[in-house]
Protein backbone atom coordinates (compact mmCIF):
# COMPACT_ATOMS: atom_id res chain seq x y z
CA UNK A 1 122.34 121.11 99.65
CA UNK A 2 123.77 122.29 95.89
CA UNK A 3 120.74 124.63 94.85
CA UNK A 4 120.43 126.84 97.98
CA UNK A 5 123.09 128.82 99.29
CA UNK A 6 123.79 127.31 102.91
CA UNK A 7 125.00 130.71 104.52
CA UNK A 8 122.26 132.66 103.61
CA UNK A 9 119.86 129.94 104.78
CA UNK A 10 121.02 129.74 108.21
CA UNK A 11 120.80 133.43 107.92
CA UNK A 12 117.12 133.63 107.50
CA UNK A 13 116.88 130.58 110.21
CA UNK A 14 118.53 132.55 113.16
CA UNK A 15 116.86 135.95 111.45
CA UNK A 16 113.37 134.46 111.55
CA UNK A 17 113.89 132.00 114.98
CA UNK A 18 115.04 135.28 117.00
CA UNK A 19 116.41 132.69 119.90
CA UNK A 20 119.29 130.75 119.45
CA UNK A 21 119.20 127.45 116.95
CA UNK A 22 121.01 124.17 117.84
CA UNK A 23 123.80 123.65 115.37
CA UNK A 24 122.44 120.03 115.15
CA UNK A 25 118.53 121.04 114.13
CA UNK A 26 120.25 123.84 111.52
CA UNK A 27 122.27 120.76 110.17
CA UNK A 28 119.11 118.42 109.74
CA UNK A 29 117.10 121.28 108.41
CA UNK A 30 119.22 122.03 105.49
CA UNK A 31 120.47 118.00 105.18
CA UNK A 32 124.38 118.98 105.99
CA UNK A 33 127.09 118.27 108.61
CA UNK A 34 127.19 120.11 112.37
CA UNK A 35 130.82 121.27 111.11
CA UNK A 36 129.93 122.72 108.03
CA UNK A 37 126.92 124.32 109.65
CA UNK A 38 129.68 125.93 111.83
CA UNK A 39 131.96 126.98 109.52
CA UNK A 40 129.33 128.97 107.56
CA UNK A 41 127.91 130.63 110.81
CA UNK A 42 131.02 131.38 111.75
CA UNK A 43 132.13 133.08 108.01
CA UNK A 44 129.09 135.01 108.41
CA UNK A 45 129.84 136.02 111.96
CA UNK A 46 133.01 137.69 110.19
CA UNK A 47 131.45 138.86 107.24
CA UNK A 48 128.90 141.05 109.70
CA UNK A 49 132.12 142.48 111.62
CA UNK A 50 134.00 143.45 108.79
CA UNK A 51 130.97 145.12 107.65
CA UNK A 52 130.43 147.38 110.93
CA UNK A 53 126.50 145.85 110.65
CA UNK A 54 124.18 146.96 113.22
CA UNK A 55 123.39 142.97 113.72
CA UNK A 56 125.87 140.40 114.34
CA UNK A 57 125.78 136.60 114.86
CA UNK A 58 127.24 135.11 118.44
CA UNK A 59 127.92 131.41 119.25
CA UNK A 60 126.16 130.19 122.48
CA UNK A 61 127.85 126.89 123.08
CA UNK A 62 126.68 124.33 120.51
CA UNK A 63 124.08 127.13 119.11
CA UNK A 64 124.14 130.42 117.10
CA UNK A 65 121.84 133.40 117.67
CA UNK A 66 121.51 136.51 115.56
CA UNK A 67 121.55 139.63 117.96
CA UNK A 68 122.16 143.21 117.71
CA UNK A 69 125.74 145.10 117.80
CA UNK A 70 126.05 146.08 121.20
CA UNK A 71 127.52 149.26 120.10
CA UNK A 72 124.10 150.50 119.46
CA UNK A 73 122.77 149.34 122.73
CA UNK A 74 121.82 152.64 124.20
CA UNK A 75 120.20 153.52 120.62
CA UNK A 76 118.01 150.59 121.05
CA UNK A 77 116.93 151.24 124.16
CA UNK A 78 115.52 154.58 123.30
CA UNK A 79 113.47 153.62 120.51
CA UNK A 80 112.36 150.74 122.66
CA UNK A 81 112.10 152.56 125.70
CA UNK A 82 114.20 149.73 127.75
CA UNK A 83 114.74 150.15 131.33
CA UNK A 84 118.33 149.38 131.96
CA UNK A 85 118.46 145.87 133.93
CA UNK A 86 119.83 146.25 137.90
CA UNK A 87 123.54 145.23 137.99
CA UNK A 88 123.95 142.14 140.43
CA UNK A 89 124.68 142.10 144.08
CA UNK A 90 127.96 141.24 145.12
CA UNK A 91 126.18 138.11 146.85
CA UNK A 92 124.45 137.36 143.79
CA UNK A 93 127.65 137.57 141.60
CA UNK A 94 129.31 135.03 144.27
CA UNK A 95 126.58 132.52 143.60
CA UNK A 96 127.01 132.53 140.26
CA UNK A 97 130.60 132.24 140.08
CA UNK A 98 130.32 129.37 142.70
CA UNK A 99 127.32 127.44 140.40
CA UNK A 100 129.28 128.54 137.20
CA UNK A 101 132.65 127.00 138.24
CA UNK A 102 131.05 123.76 139.99
CA UNK A 103 127.85 122.96 138.27
CA UNK A 104 125.30 121.08 138.95
CA UNK A 105 125.67 122.20 142.49
CA UNK A 106 122.85 121.92 145.12
CA UNK A 107 122.17 124.81 147.82
CA UNK A 108 123.79 122.96 150.52
CA UNK A 109 126.84 123.51 148.63
CA UNK A 110 126.34 126.84 147.65
CA UNK A 111 125.66 127.63 151.18
CA UNK A 112 128.65 125.87 152.64
CA UNK A 113 130.84 127.93 150.42
CA UNK A 114 129.70 131.06 151.54
CA UNK A 115 128.51 130.40 154.90
CA UNK A 116 125.31 131.97 154.78
CA UNK A 117 121.91 131.34 153.24
CA UNK A 118 121.53 131.65 149.56
CA UNK A 119 117.66 130.80 148.80
CA UNK A 120 116.98 134.45 148.41
CA UNK A 121 119.66 134.94 145.81
CA UNK A 122 119.33 131.59 143.81
CA UNK A 123 115.65 132.46 143.43
CA UNK A 124 116.55 135.83 142.20
CA UNK A 125 119.01 134.07 139.61
CA UNK A 126 116.41 131.83 138.70
CA UNK A 127 114.00 134.25 138.13
CA UNK A 128 116.61 136.63 136.23
CA UNK A 129 117.16 133.36 133.91
CA UNK A 130 120.76 133.08 134.84
CA UNK A 131 120.44 129.78 136.75
CA UNK A 132 118.33 126.82 136.30
CA UNK A 133 116.92 123.54 137.87
CA UNK A 134 119.14 120.50 136.23
CA UNK A 135 117.42 117.70 137.75
CA UNK A 136 117.60 116.43 141.39
CA UNK A 137 120.23 114.39 143.35
CA UNK A 138 119.94 111.05 144.43
CA UNK A 139 120.20 111.43 148.08
CA UNK A 140 117.55 111.39 150.72
CA UNK A 141 115.68 114.37 150.06
CA UNK A 142 116.18 114.78 146.58
CA UNK A 143 118.08 118.41 146.67
CA UNK A 144 117.67 120.17 143.56
CA UNK A 145 120.87 120.84 141.51
CA UNK A 146 121.62 123.81 140.34
CA UNK A 147 123.27 125.29 136.71
CA UNK A 148 123.75 128.16 134.32
CA UNK A 149 121.38 128.73 131.46
CA UNK A 150 121.91 129.64 127.72
CA UNK A 151 121.15 133.21 128.86
CA UNK A 152 124.29 133.55 131.19
CA UNK A 153 126.29 132.71 128.33
CA UNK A 154 124.58 135.69 126.47
CA UNK A 155 124.97 138.08 129.46
CA UNK A 156 128.78 137.14 130.57
CA UNK A 157 129.55 137.24 126.44
CA UNK A 158 130.78 133.59 126.77
CA UNK A 159 130.76 131.18 123.72
CA UNK A 160 130.73 127.95 126.31
CA UNK A 161 131.83 127.76 130.03
CA UNK A 162 135.14 126.53 128.58
CA UNK A 163 135.70 130.53 128.40
CA UNK A 164 135.17 131.41 132.08
CA UNK A 165 138.31 132.87 133.31
CA UNK A 166 140.46 130.13 135.36
CA UNK A 167 140.29 130.41 139.09
CA UNK A 168 142.98 132.55 140.69
CA UNK A 169 145.59 129.93 142.53
CA UNK A 170 145.77 129.70 146.32
CA UNK A 171 149.90 130.37 146.45
CA UNK A 172 149.34 133.21 148.98
CA UNK A 173 147.40 130.93 150.89
CA UNK A 174 149.89 128.44 150.99
CA UNK A 175 152.86 130.89 151.48
CA UNK A 176 150.84 131.90 154.77
CA UNK A 177 150.68 128.65 156.12
CA UNK A 178 154.19 127.42 155.38
CA UNK A 179 155.09 130.70 157.07
CA UNK A 180 152.79 129.99 160.14
CA UNK A 181 154.53 126.65 160.63
CA UNK A 182 158.22 127.93 160.43
CA UNK A 183 157.62 130.15 163.24
CA UNK A 184 155.73 127.79 164.93
CA UNK A 185 158.57 125.61 165.08
CA UNK A 186 160.83 128.52 165.40
CA UNK A 187 158.75 129.34 168.70
CA UNK A 188 159.00 126.43 169.85
CA UNK A 189 162.15 125.91 171.73
CA UNK A 190 161.97 129.79 172.96
CA UNK A 191 158.53 128.42 174.96
CA UNK A 192 160.43 125.54 176.48
CA UNK A 193 163.52 127.46 177.52
CA UNK A 194 161.00 130.09 179.39
CA UNK A 195 159.32 127.26 180.96
CA UNK A 196 162.57 125.99 182.35
């Protein structure tokens, strides 16, 4: 595509679309490779950052989207008279974490991890477009499978699920179990002596 500026074309596509656009769709429209689209889109992103602009381009897994710079969120909110979204409850954050790290998961799996009914929380997260149905499990009753959405990546400023922070290791739990086993063994002879 020598007669057209690829970076400008990507910019125009993202601006016109408003939502995120898959790399493969942009590549198809411009008759270039996915790698070339990614290279130009990332260069545009750096250009916007270095110029301290009011808009920027973000990557969401295998898609790009043009968005407003978060530095100007309060001014945008004032002009558009937007109300701040209510923050997620602790229960919602816990359910979201279980889904994000283990997806696709069933409601039963989430409830087993948390130990409480999660129907309401799953419904709320689905309504907020943070999770969505990802099909059904091939078991009796065919339970629904849940996974995170592109909106989840956008809200948590992640390019992909690979950017999720690692889960903490259970070193403390292992140490506690070792201490308990050791104390049980040392207590045993004393108990036997006391019984004699």
